[in-house]
Protein backbone atom coordinates (compact mmCIF):
# COMPACT_ATOMS: atom_id res chain seq x y z
CA MET A 1 22.54 -5.24 -51.95
CA SER A 2 19.75 -2.88 -51.04
CA LEU A 3 18.69 -0.13 -53.29
CA THR A 4 19.29 3.60 -52.67
CA ASP A 5 16.29 5.87 -52.16
CA ALA A 6 16.97 7.41 -55.69
CA GLN A 7 16.92 3.63 -57.14
CA TRP A 8 13.61 2.89 -55.28
CA LEU A 9 11.74 5.97 -56.32
CA ALA A 10 13.07 5.31 -60.01
CA TRP A 11 11.77 1.66 -59.91
CA LEU A 12 8.44 2.89 -58.54
CA LYS A 13 8.07 5.38 -61.48
CA GLN A 14 8.87 2.53 -64.15
CA THR A 15 6.04 1.14 -66.21
CA ASP A 16 7.73 -1.92 -67.05
CA LYS A 17 8.09 -3.59 -63.68
CA ASN A 18 6.70 -6.99 -61.91
CA PRO A 19 5.92 -5.53 -58.34
CA THR A 20 4.75 -8.12 -55.41
CA ALA A 21 4.45 -8.17 -51.75
CA ALA A 22 6.57 -10.84 -49.88
CA ILE A 23 4.95 -11.14 -46.34
CA GLN A 24 6.43 -12.74 -43.37
CA VAL A 25 3.95 -13.84 -40.66
CA SER A 26 5.34 -15.00 -37.53
CA TYR A 27 3.49 -17.73 -35.23
CA ASP A 28 4.02 -19.99 -31.83
CA ASN A 29 3.14 -23.40 -32.39
CA GLY A 30 1.90 -23.41 -28.89
CA GLY A 31 4.90 -25.27 -27.46
CA GLY A 32 7.20 -22.40 -27.29
CA THR A 33 8.58 -22.82 -30.87
CA THR A 34 8.14 -20.07 -33.35
CA GLY A 35 7.86 -20.17 -37.08
CA THR A 36 7.00 -18.02 -40.12
CA LEU A 37 4.42 -18.24 -42.71
CA TYR A 38 5.66 -16.94 -46.00
CA ILE A 39 2.70 -15.54 -48.20
CA SER A 40 2.23 -12.92 -51.13
CA ASN A 41 -0.46 -11.34 -53.33
CA PHE A 42 1.33 -12.44 -56.58
CA GLY A 43 3.86 -15.05 -55.45
CA TYR A 44 7.72 -14.56 -55.13
CA ILE A 45 10.84 -16.82 -54.97
CA ASP A 46 14.26 -15.30 -54.91
CA PRO A 47 15.59 -16.24 -58.40
CA TYR A 48 19.31 -15.74 -57.07
CA ASP A 49 18.81 -17.94 -53.91
CA VAL A 50 18.30 -21.55 -54.52
CA ASP A 51 17.24 -22.11 -50.93
CA GLY A 52 15.14 -18.97 -50.77
CA ASN A 53 11.71 -19.00 -49.19
CA ASN A 54 8.61 -19.49 -51.33
CA TYR A 55 6.08 -16.83 -50.69
CA LYS A 56 3.04 -18.27 -52.14
CA ALA A 57 0.18 -16.54 -53.73
CA VAL A 58 -2.30 -17.31 -51.12
CA ILE A 59 -3.83 -13.79 -50.59
CA VAL A 60 -7.21 -13.54 -52.18
CA ASN A 61 -7.88 -9.81 -51.66
CA ASP A 62 -5.96 -6.63 -52.06
CA VAL A 63 -3.06 -5.95 -49.68
CA LYS A 64 -3.62 -2.47 -48.36
CA ILE A 65 -1.89 -0.11 -45.65
CA ARG A 66 -3.67 2.91 -44.14
CA GLN A 67 -1.34 5.59 -42.73
CA ASN A 68 -2.28 8.76 -41.08
CA GLU A 69 -1.16 11.33 -38.13
CA THR A 70 -2.03 8.40 -35.62
CA ILE A 71 -1.31 5.13 -36.99
CA SER A 72 -0.02 3.11 -39.76
CA VAL A 73 -1.94 -0.44 -40.17
CA MET A 74 -2.42 -3.12 -42.93
CA GLU A 75 -5.99 -3.69 -43.55
CA SER A 76 -7.31 -7.14 -43.09
CA ILE A 77 -6.35 -9.77 -45.58
CA ASP A 78 -7.90 -13.16 -46.51
CA ILE A 79 -5.58 -16.17 -47.12
CA LYS A 80 -6.09 -19.69 -48.55
CA VAL A 81 -4.29 -22.09 -45.73
CA GLU A 82 -2.66 -25.01 -47.42
CA ASP A 83 -1.34 -26.53 -44.18
CA THR A 84 -4.46 -26.77 -41.82
CA SER A 85 -2.27 -27.44 -38.72
CA LEU A 86 -1.67 -23.56 -38.72
CA PHE A 87 -5.32 -23.15 -37.25
CA ASP A 88 -3.79 -24.79 -34.09
CA TYR A 89 -1.08 -22.53 -33.90
CA VAL A 90 -0.88 -18.80 -31.98
CA PHE A 91 -0.73 -15.79 -34.39
CA ILE A 92 -2.60 -13.11 -32.04
CA GLY A 93 0.09 -10.88 -30.99
CA GLN A 94 2.85 -12.16 -33.32
CA SER A 95 4.52 -9.66 -36.01
CA LEU A 96 3.46 -9.46 -39.58
CA THR A 97 6.03 -7.66 -41.97
CA ILE A 98 5.61 -6.62 -45.51
CA TYR A 99 8.57 -6.52 -47.85
CA TYR A 100 8.02 -4.80 -51.43
CA GLY A 101 9.98 -5.24 -54.85
CA ASP A 102 10.16 -6.72 -58.08
CA ARG A 103 9.60 -10.52 -58.71
CA THR A 104 13.08 -10.27 -60.72
CA TRP A 105 14.86 -8.97 -57.75
CA PRO A 106 17.13 -10.64 -55.04
CA PHE A 107 15.24 -10.50 -51.99
CA SER A 108 18.07 -8.33 -50.44
CA ASP A 109 16.72 -5.48 -52.72
CA PHE A 110 13.11 -5.42 -51.30
CA ARG A 111 12.10 -2.70 -49.09
CA GLN A 112 10.47 -3.18 -45.77
CA ILE A 113 7.54 -1.11 -45.91
CA TYR A 114 5.47 -2.22 -42.97
CA THR A 115 5.43 -4.17 -39.80
CA GLY A 116 2.79 -4.73 -37.13
CA LYS A 117 0.92 -6.84 -34.45
CA ILE A 118 -1.66 -9.50 -35.29
CA ALA A 119 -4.79 -8.93 -33.47
CA ASP A 120 -6.72 -11.92 -34.74
CA PHE A 121 -6.24 -15.04 -36.82
CA THR A 122 -9.94 -16.33 -37.86
CA ARG A 123 -10.76 -19.64 -39.55
CA LYS A 124 -13.28 -19.37 -42.27
CA PRO A 125 -15.13 -21.92 -44.40
CA ASN A 126 -13.09 -24.15 -46.75
CA ASP A 127 -9.79 -23.53 -45.21
CA TYR A 128 -9.51 -19.82 -45.70
CA ALA A 129 -8.51 -17.43 -42.76
CA THR A 130 -8.70 -13.73 -42.16
CA ILE A 131 -5.65 -11.81 -40.66
CA ILE A 132 -6.61 -8.61 -38.84
CA MET A 133 -3.94 -6.31 -37.60
CA ASP A 134 -3.92 -4.69 -34.36
CA SER A 135 -4.82 -0.95 -35.14
CA ASN A 136 -4.96 -0.09 -31.11
CA LEU A 137 -1.30 -0.63 -30.48
CA LEU A 138 -0.88 2.94 -29.62
CA GLN A 139 -3.69 2.82 -27.11
CA THR A 140 -2.00 -0.48 -25.82
CA TRP A 141 1.34 1.02 -25.37
CA LEU A 142 -0.19 4.07 -23.61
CA ARG A 143 -2.33 1.88 -21.29
CA GLN A 144 -0.22 -0.95 -20.41
CA THR A 145 0.13 0.63 -16.96
CA VAL A 146 -2.99 1.63 -14.60
CA ASP A 147 -1.15 3.41 -12.22
CA ILE A 148 2.00 5.49 -13.08
CA THR A 149 3.25 5.14 -9.45
CA ALA A 150 2.51 1.40 -8.89
CA VAL A 151 6.15 0.48 -9.37
CA ASP A 152 7.30 -2.55 -7.35
CA TYR A 153 10.24 -0.91 -5.56
CA GLU A 154 10.49 -0.43 -1.85
CA LEU A 155 10.32 3.36 -2.18
CA TYR A 156 6.39 2.78 -2.92
CA GLU A 157 5.64 0.20 -0.63
CA SER A 158 4.78 2.84 1.99
CA VAL A 159 3.69 6.26 1.32
CA ASP A 160 4.21 7.30 -2.32
CA TYR A 161 2.47 10.51 -2.97
CA PRO A 162 2.92 13.35 -4.00
CA CYS A 163 5.56 12.22 -6.60
CA GLY A 164 6.60 13.84 -9.77
CA ILE A 165 9.01 14.49 -12.62
CA GLY A 166 10.55 17.36 -14.61
CA ALA A 167 11.70 21.09 -13.95
CA ASN A 168 10.20 24.09 -12.12
CA CYS A 169 7.20 22.17 -10.87
CA PHE A 170 5.42 24.86 -8.98
CA ASN A 171 3.70 25.04 -5.56
CA ILE A 172 3.60 21.32 -4.69
CA ARG A 173 2.15 20.50 -1.28
CA PRO A 174 4.69 17.70 0.15
CA ILE A 175 3.33 14.91 2.63
CA ARG A 176 3.69 15.60 6.34
CA LEU A 177 5.65 12.59 7.95
CA SER A 178 5.91 14.18 11.40
CA SER A 179 5.59 17.46 13.05
CA THR A 180 8.79 18.74 11.36
CA VAL A 181 9.33 16.26 8.40
CA TYR A 182 7.90 16.50 5.05
CA ARG A 183 8.77 14.67 1.83
CA ILE A 184 8.26 14.56 -1.96
CA TYR A 185 9.08 11.60 -4.11
CA TRP A 186 10.48 11.85 -7.59
CA PHE A 187 10.98 9.97 -10.89
CA ASP A 188 14.24 11.28 -11.22
CA PRO A 189 17.84 10.50 -9.92
CA LEU A 190 18.81 14.42 -9.26
CA ILE A 191 17.06 17.22 -7.39
CA SER A 192 18.57 20.35 -9.00
CA SER A 193 16.91 23.06 -7.11
CA LEU A 194 14.16 23.49 -4.08
CA VAL A 195 12.11 26.36 -2.87
CA VAL A 196 10.17 25.96 0.45
CA ARG A 197 7.31 28.27 1.51
CA LYS A 198 5.31 28.35 4.72
CA ASN A 199 1.84 30.17 3.84
CA GLY A 200 3.55 31.67 0.84
CA VAL A 201 6.39 33.03 2.64
CA THR A 202 9.89 31.61 1.35
CA GLN A 203 11.74 29.80 3.98
CA THR A 204 15.49 30.23 4.32
CA LEU A 205 17.80 26.90 4.11
CA THR A 206 19.34 25.93 7.52
CA THR A 207 17.62 29.05 9.13
CA HIS A 208 14.25 27.66 8.79
CA TYR A 209 14.73 23.97 7.32
CA THR A 210 17.31 21.46 6.20
CA ARG A 211 16.86 19.34 3.20
CA ALA A 212 18.46 15.79 2.27
CA LEU A 213 18.00 13.59 -0.62
CA TYR A 214 15.96 10.40 -0.08
CA THR A 215 16.59 7.50 -2.28
CA GLY A 216 14.85 4.04 -1.99
CA THR A 217 16.92 1.09 -1.26
CA GLY A 218 17.09 -0.13 -4.98
CA GLY A 219 18.28 3.51 -5.85
CA GLU A 220 15.78 3.56 -8.60
CA TYR A 221 14.03 6.60 -7.52
CA SER A 222 14.79 9.53 -5.18
CA GLY A 223 12.90 12.58 -3.63
CA VAL A 224 13.64 15.27 -1.19
CA THR A 225 13.03 15.29 2.57
CA ILE A 226 12.59 18.71 4.25
CA THR A 227 13.11 18.96 8.02
CA PHE A 228 11.97 22.18 9.70
CA VAL A 229 13.99 23.69 12.34
CA SER A 230 10.78 24.67 14.24
CA ALA A 231 7.83 22.72 13.70
CA PRO A 232 5.04 24.42 11.58
CA SER A 233 1.59 24.29 13.01
CA THR A 234 -0.94 21.86 11.66
CA THR A 235 -2.79 24.74 9.97
CA ASP A 236 0.37 26.01 8.28
CA VAL A 237 0.38 25.22 4.50
CA ILE A 238 3.83 24.11 3.28
CA THR A 239 4.36 24.33 -0.36
CA VAL A 240 7.68 23.86 -2.77
CA ASP A 241 9.02 24.47 -6.04
CA LEU A 242 11.12 21.67 -7.35
CA THR A 243 13.37 20.97 -10.36
CA GLY A 244 14.77 17.47 -11.25
CA SER A 245 17.24 16.59 -13.93
CA LEU A 246 14.95 15.16 -16.63
CA TYR A 247 14.23 18.39 -18.52
CA ASN A 248 15.32 20.57 -21.57
CA THR A 249 18.98 20.22 -21.79
CA ALA A 250 19.02 16.71 -20.33
CA SER A 251 15.85 15.37 -22.28
CA SER A 252 13.08 16.61 -24.43
CA ALA A 253 9.47 16.58 -23.31
CA PHE A 254 9.05 13.43 -25.36
CA ASN A 255 12.09 12.02 -23.65
CA ILE A 256 10.36 12.30 -20.28
CA VAL A 257 7.45 10.28 -21.65
CA GLY A 258 10.07 7.74 -23.13
CA ASN A 259 12.20 7.62 -19.80
CA THR A 260 9.29 7.30 -17.53
CA ALA A 261 7.74 4.46 -19.90
CA ALA A 262 10.80 2.76 -19.88
CA LYS A 263 10.75 2.40 -16.33
CA ILE A 264 7.12 1.44 -15.64
CA VAL A 265 5.69 0.30 -19.03
CA PRO A 266 7.07 -3.30 -19.70
CA THR A 267 6.46 -3.39 -23.52
CA ALA A 268 7.85 -4.93 -26.87
CA ILE A 269 6.59 -1.80 -28.62
CA PRO A 270 9.77 0.31 -29.22
CA ASN A 271 9.78 4.12 -29.20
CA ASN A 272 11.96 6.30 -30.99
CA PHE A 273 11.69 9.32 -28.53
CA SER A 274 15.54 9.57 -28.43
CA SER A 275 15.84 12.42 -30.99
CA ALA A 276 15.14 15.83 -29.84
CA TRP A 277 11.76 17.15 -31.13
CA VAL A 278 10.92 19.93 -28.79
CA ASN A 279 13.19 20.74 -25.80
CA SER A 280 10.78 22.39 -23.19
CA ASP A 281 10.91 22.55 -19.50
CA ILE A 282 7.97 20.15 -18.48
CA GLY A 283 6.69 19.19 -14.91
CA TYR A 284 4.18 17.26 -13.43
CA VAL A 285 3.25 16.08 -9.95
CA TRP A 286 0.58 13.34 -9.03
CA TYR A 287 -1.28 13.36 -5.80
CA GLU A 288 -3.06 9.99 -6.41
CA PRO A 289 -2.88 7.11 -9.11
CA GLU A 290 -3.31 8.20 -12.51
CA PRO A 291 -2.99 6.39 -15.79
CA PHE A 292 0.32 6.65 -17.79
CA GLU A 293 -1.88 7.49 -20.78
CA LYS A 294 -3.05 10.80 -19.29
CA PHE A 295 0.21 11.63 -18.29
CA ALA A 296 2.05 11.01 -21.86
CA ASN A 297 -0.89 12.84 -23.59
CA LEU A 298 -0.66 15.81 -21.44
CA VAL A 299 3.14 15.92 -21.94
CA MET A 300 3.05 15.64 -25.67
CA SER A 301 -0.08 17.96 -26.12
CA SER A 302 1.67 20.69 -24.15
CA CYS A 303 4.13 21.09 -27.08
CA GLY A 304 1.47 20.76 -29.55
CA GLY A 305 2.12 17.11 -30.76
CA LYS A 306 0.91 13.78 -29.95
CA ALA A 307 2.12 10.17 -30.47
CA ARG A 308 1.69 7.99 -33.58
CA LEU A 309 2.47 4.30 -34.60
CA ASN A 310 4.68 4.35 -37.53
CA ALA A 311 5.18 1.64 -40.38
CA SER A 312 7.99 0.29 -38.29
CA CYS A 313 5.78 -0.39 -35.45
CA GLN A 314 7.39 2.27 -33.30
CA VAL A 315 5.83 5.08 -31.03
CA GLN A 316 7.17 8.24 -32.41
CA PRO A 317 6.24 11.91 -31.93
CA TRP A 318 4.22 13.65 -34.33
CA SER A 319 3.41 17.40 -34.37
CA ASN A 320 1.72 19.63 -37.02
CA PRO A 321 4.61 20.65 -39.15
CA ASN A 322 4.55 23.50 -41.60
CA ALA A 323 4.68 22.57 -45.17
CA THR A 324 8.08 24.44 -46.03
CA SER A 325 10.86 24.11 -48.41
CA PRO A 326 12.69 21.97 -49.37
CA ALA A 327 10.50 19.23 -50.17
CA SER A 328 11.79 15.63 -50.09
CA ARG A 329 10.61 15.26 -53.68
CA ASN A 330 8.42 16.68 -56.47
CA ILE A 331 5.35 15.40 -57.93
CA THR A 332 4.54 16.43 -61.54
CA GLN A 333 1.35 16.35 -63.47
CA ALA A 334 2.20 12.91 -64.86
CA GLU A 335 2.15 11.20 -61.76
CA LEU A 336 -1.47 12.50 -60.73
CA LEU A 337 -4.05 10.04 -61.69
CA GLN A 338 -6.89 11.68 -63.22
CA GLY A 339 -4.79 14.70 -63.37
CA THR A 340 -6.54 16.54 -60.23
CA LEU A 341 -6.37 17.58 -56.90
CA ARG A 342 -9.45 17.74 -54.67
CA ILE A 343 -9.70 20.13 -51.67
CA VAL A 344 -11.11 18.04 -48.85
CA ASN A 345 -10.67 20.44 -45.78
CA LYS A 346 -10.07 23.98 -45.25
CA SER A 347 -9.36 24.74 -41.35
CA ASN A 348 -10.67 27.50 -39.45
CA PRO A 349 -7.65 29.83 -38.30
CA TRP A 350 -7.07 30.76 -34.56
CA ARG A 351 -7.97 34.56 -33.84
CA LYS A 352 -6.76 34.35 -30.37
CA SER A 353 -4.58 31.79 -28.45
CA THR A 354 -4.60 31.62 -24.56
CA LEU A 355 -1.80 29.27 -23.20
CA GLY A 356 -1.82 28.04 -19.72
CA TRP A 357 1.52 27.45 -18.28
CA LEU A 358 3.31 27.03 -15.00
CA LYS A 359 0.70 24.80 -13.45
CA ASN A 360 0.03 25.49 -9.69
CA PHE A 361 0.01 21.89 -8.23
CA TYR A 362 -1.75 23.38 -4.98
CA PRO A 363 -3.84 26.53 -5.71
CA GLN A 364 -3.92 28.46 -2.24
CA THR A 365 -7.17 30.50 -2.07
CA SER A 366 -6.65 31.07 1.60
CA GLY A 367 -4.20 30.71 4.20
CA VAL A 368 -1.59 33.12 2.69
CA ASP A 369 0.39 35.11 5.11
CA SER A 370 -0.49 38.90 5.10
CA SER A 371 2.96 39.74 4.56
CA VAL A 372 3.00 38.16 0.74
CA SER A 373 2.60 40.72 -1.85
CA GLU A 374 -0.86 40.83 -3.67
CA ALA A 375 0.84 39.81 -6.97
CA ASN A 376 2.35 36.81 -5.37
CA ALA A 377 -1.05 35.93 -3.34
CA ARG A 378 -2.80 35.89 -6.95
CA LEU A 379 0.17 33.87 -8.22
CA TYR A 380 -0.43 31.20 -5.52
CA ALA A 381 -3.96 31.01 -5.89
CA GLN A 382 -4.54 30.69 -9.75
CA SER A 383 -4.35 27.27 -11.35
CA TYR A 384 -2.19 28.31 -14.42
CA THR A 385 -0.39 31.52 -15.68
CA TYR A 386 -2.02 32.50 -18.84
CA SER A 387 -0.34 34.15 -21.87
CA ILE A 388 -2.47 35.39 -24.90
CA LEU A 389 -1.38 35.95 -28.53
CA ASP A 390 -4.04 37.89 -30.29
CA SER A 391 -4.24 38.74 -34.04
CA SER A 392 -6.58 41.00 -35.95
CA THR A 393 -5.67 39.34 -39.17
CA TRP A 394 -8.94 37.07 -38.97
CA ASP A 395 -11.23 39.73 -37.47
CA ALA A 396 -13.42 39.65 -40.68
CA TYR A 397 -13.10 35.69 -41.00
CA PRO A 398 -16.54 34.24 -39.97
CA ASN A 399 -15.18 31.22 -38.40
CA ALA A 400 -12.00 32.35 -36.80
CA LEU A 401 -11.55 30.57 -33.51
CA SER A 402 -10.45 31.56 -30.08
CA VAL A 403 -8.66 28.76 -28.17
CA GLU A 404 -7.43 28.14 -24.65
CA THR A 405 -4.87 25.42 -24.21
CA GLU A 406 -3.33 24.33 -20.83
CA THR A 407 -0.04 22.72 -20.78
CA LEU A 408 2.48 21.44 -18.42
CA ILE A 409 5.30 24.01 -19.57
CA THR A 410 6.94 25.48 -16.63
CA ASP A 411 9.46 28.07 -18.16
CA TYR A 412 8.64 31.39 -19.71
CA THR A 413 10.92 31.10 -22.48
CA ASP A 414 9.71 27.64 -23.52
CA MET A 415 6.12 28.86 -23.14
CA VAL A 416 6.98 31.82 -25.54
CA ASN A 417 8.61 29.29 -28.20
CA VAL A 418 5.81 26.73 -27.89
CA SER A 419 2.98 29.39 -28.04
CA GLU A 420 4.40 30.99 -31.17
CA LYS A 421 4.76 27.43 -32.74
CA LEU A 422 1.08 26.60 -32.03
CA TYR A 423 -0.20 30.04 -33.10
CA GLY A 424 2.16 30.04 -36.17
CA TYR A 425 0.45 26.94 -37.38
CA ASP A 426 -3.04 27.15 -36.33
CA GLY A 427 -3.19 30.79 -36.73
CA ASN A 428 -3.17 30.22 -40.46
CA VAL A 429 -5.84 28.58 -42.76
CA ARG A 430 -4.60 25.02 -43.58
CA ILE A 431 -6.08 23.61 -46.61
CA ASP A 432 -6.04 19.58 -47.19
CA VAL A 433 -5.75 18.45 -50.70
CA GLU A 434 -6.37 14.79 -51.94
CA TYR A 435 -4.74 13.26 -54.95
CA GLU A 436 -3.89 9.61 -56.42
CA LEU A 437 -0.56 8.40 -57.35
CA LEU A 438 0.46 5.22 -58.97
CA TYR A 439 3.06 3.33 -57.07
CA THR A 440 5.20 6.39 -56.27
CA GLY A 441 3.18 7.05 -53.18
CA ILE A 442 4.67 4.00 -51.73
CA TYR A 443 7.97 6.13 -51.37
CA ASP A 444 6.41 8.79 -49.17
CA ASP A 445 6.04 8.68 -45.36
CA ILE A 446 3.78 10.63 -43.21
CA GLY A 447 5.25 14.02 -42.20
CA ASP A 448 7.27 14.20 -45.61
CA THR A 449 7.13 17.47 -47.42
CA ILE A 450 6.36 17.31 -51.01
CA SER A 451 5.91 19.76 -53.76
CA ILE A 452 3.22 19.31 -56.59
CA THR A 453 4.03 21.11 -59.78
CA THR A 454 1.18 21.10 -62.38
CA THR A 455 0.69 24.09 -64.94
CA GLU A 456 -2.67 22.63 -65.51
CA LEU A 457 -3.99 23.41 -62.12
CA GLY A 458 -2.17 26.69 -61.76
CA LEU A 459 0.74 25.19 -59.41
CA SER A 460 3.57 25.99 -62.10
CA ALA A 461 5.79 27.32 -59.28
CA GLY A 462 5.14 24.20 -57.14
CA GLU A 463 2.91 24.08 -54.42
CA ILE A 464 4.27 22.74 -50.87
CA TYR A 465 2.50 20.17 -48.83
CA THR A 466 3.07 18.02 -45.80
CA VAL A 467 1.82 14.24 -46.44
CA VAL A 468 -0.74 13.44 -43.50
CA GLN A 469 -2.45 10.52 -44.87
CA ASN A 470 -1.25 7.94 -47.42
CA ASP A 471 -3.78 4.78 -48.12
CA ILE A 472 -1.67 2.24 -50.35
CA ASN A 473 -3.07 -0.59 -52.34
CA LEU A 474 -0.03 -2.89 -52.95
CA ASN A 475 -1.83 -4.88 -55.83
CA SER A 476 -3.14 -1.97 -58.06
CA GLY A 477 -0.30 0.23 -56.97
CA VAL A 478 -2.83 3.12 -56.37
CA CYS A 479 -1.95 5.57 -53.60
CA THR A 480 -4.69 8.02 -52.30
CA GLN A 481 -2.70 10.84 -50.32
CA ARG A 482 -3.49 13.75 -48.47
CA GLY A 483 -1.46 16.86 -48.48
CA ARG A 484 -1.54 19.79 -46.06
CA THR A 485 -0.40 23.26 -46.64
């Protein structure tokens, strides 16, 4: 049976253990048949299973895993190849998974600590090979589509712009299909609200126009068709505000990325965007083909986050978390190799944060009707609405920063929440410390909150850190970690 977290950590702390890495390497023999190569740094055979796999000690260098805020990846390993027919097989793109435990344990007690995709399997002299893992999987996932709107549905076989997704998309210019008919396409099965303006003047439903949902033959995507009662002139500027269903209460900002990716990115790399991270009204509109990577990064950065590839080979959301109690575990002086912490970075705090929100998807610098108020005329002309958080706390700090960030946030309350979240983090000095642990760092994951208690270094009350880097050597057990206040 598998160990509990407490049992796993207790074993890592033991001095009388016999650790080993049991590694499974998948391959394709070129004929459509897959197989598994079983290798190890120190060797392993399940002592409780007479039919257990023989993980041969053919790895000739240290097995190391590098983890940070962007990626988890195993560094390259060199192996002795006993069966030379393996050189004819396909390893690139296949999976490699590391299990870790004691050589005296049944395999069922081993912990899976890493899985990834193989980038290269290179033959070396004397029947050796180098296995290199794919450290660009995150970018691969983001770049698998060149055009976010290049979807093979009938809806996009003709005119397919503008199209968009999300909530409260402001001042979109629809495409003109005829003298009276305009349309917007949408990555969303529902349109929950629509405001139509002509030259900045709000139009009244039924009096000035009628609206109807538009759905492609496959029913995969929808849009809205606007038909004017009286044809606007060719010089009139028609703009709309539109809200779909994939926002806030229905889905977090990251879910929008995940939902969109599921529709347009055929990939074997899973994502765990299902759990809510930041619920914010996010909206975006395309007037021309754009990479999915640009869209995904815009959405995630709008909430002060980014994507990372975790040790389970999953794309997951990541943000800069405040290191606050309670900690997942406490590290004592006895666990610190060399008994010391090194300060490796001290961030410059933000003095002022300017957040751009409510993106204007068609700034109108001219052509606004004279009846439109001056305030609205300015609103329709500016690219973003800006909000400023200013603090005098760091006025005397020589390197305090003034930062401007433009986002896809479309709701005022969400803007305030995200602005305070960003400023609450970056408006403070953050200190990165580095330290070494023996084996116990294998227990920690990126984003875990730990406390370090050491009277020798003046941390008798326990200092709280978030793990932002963890370089693990599975042969020596040395883990070089970086924690951030």
